[in-house]
Amino acid sequence: MKFVQKYRFAARLWKETKGQDLIEYALMAGFVAVAAGAVMPGVGENISQIFSKISSSLGSAASQGS
């Protein structure tokens, strides 16, 4: 019986698409930032600083959440 419940949960999770758009937009913004950094060398350093700030913010948020 537990197997059936796990299977149903996995099937519902697989069909869930609510957060998909947000992830796609975030990936697209990342690709645009990387392309801009490659095309305009002066912007590359600023983009690197922004990504490091985001990374440290996410890291501190993750440590506070657990």
Protein backbone atom coordinates (compact mmCIF):
# COMPACT_ATOMS: atom_id res chain seq x y z
CA MET A 1 0.00 0.00 0.00
CA LYS A 2 2.83 2.39 0.77
CA PHE A 3 4.29 1.77 -2.67
CA VAL A 4 1.04 2.90 -4.29
CA GLN A 5 0.99 6.08 -2.20
CA LYS A 6 4.61 6.84 -3.11
CA TYR A 7 3.85 6.21 -6.77
CA ARG A 8 0.85 8.56 -6.71
CA PHE A 9 2.89 11.27 -4.98
CA ALA A 10 5.69 10.92 -7.54
CA ALA A 11 3.18 11.08 -10.40
CA ARG A 12 1.63 14.30 -9.02
CA LEU A 13 5.08 15.82 -8.45
CA TRP A 14 6.14 14.95 -11.99
CA LYS A 15 3.08 16.73 -13.45
CA GLU A 16 3.57 19.86 -11.29
CA THR A 17 4.65 22.83 -13.45
CA LYS A 18 3.91 25.88 -11.29
CA GLY A 19 7.54 26.83 -10.62
CA GLN A 20 8.76 26.01 -14.09
CA ASP A 21 8.38 29.53 -15.52
CA LEU A 22 10.39 31.12 -12.72
CA ILE A 23 13.26 28.71 -13.27
CA GLU A 24 13.22 29.31 -17.01
CA TYR A 25 13.35 33.09 -16.56
CA ALA A 26 16.21 32.79 -14.07
CA LEU A 27 18.18 30.60 -16.46
CA MET A 28 17.53 33.00 -19.33
CA ALA A 29 18.71 35.97 -17.23
CA GLY A 30 21.85 34.04 -16.35
CA PHE A 31 22.56 33.25 -20.00
CA VAL A 32 22.05 36.88 -20.98
CA ALA A 33 24.41 38.00 -18.22
CA VAL A 34 27.09 35.53 -19.32
CA ALA A 35 26.70 36.59 -22.96
CA ALA A 36 26.93 40.26 -22.00
CA GLY A 37 30.07 39.53 -20.01
CA ALA A 38 31.61 37.77 -22.99
CA VAL A 39 30.73 40.55 -25.43
CA MET A 40 31.61 43.50 -23.20
CA PRO A 41 34.75 42.75 -21.14
CA GLY A 42 34.20 45.67 -18.73
CA VAL A 43 30.83 44.29 -17.71
CA GLY A 44 32.24 40.84 -16.91
CA GLU A 45 33.77 41.93 -13.61
CA ASN A 46 30.54 43.61 -12.49
CA ILE A 47 28.53 40.50 -13.37
CA SER A 48 30.98 38.36 -11.41
CA GLN A 49 30.52 40.58 -8.35
CA ILE A 50 26.73 40.40 -8.67
CA PHE A 51 26.77 36.59 -8.89
CA SER A 52 29.08 36.34 -5.89
CA LYS A 53 26.74 38.58 -3.86
CA ILE A 54 23.77 36.42 -4.87
CA SER A 55 25.69 33.28 -3.97
CA SER A 56 26.62 34.58 -0.52
CA SER A 57 23.03 35.74 0.09
CA LEU A 58 21.64 32.34 -0.88
CA GLY A 59 24.24 30.62 1.28
CA SER A 60 23.37 32.66 4.34
CA ALA A 61 19.64 32.18 3.73
CA ALA A 62 20.11 28.43 3.43
CA SER A 63 22.09 28.25 6.66
CA GLN A 64 19.42 30.24 8.52
CA GLY A 65 16.63 28.03 7.18
CA SER A 66 18.07 24.77 8.47
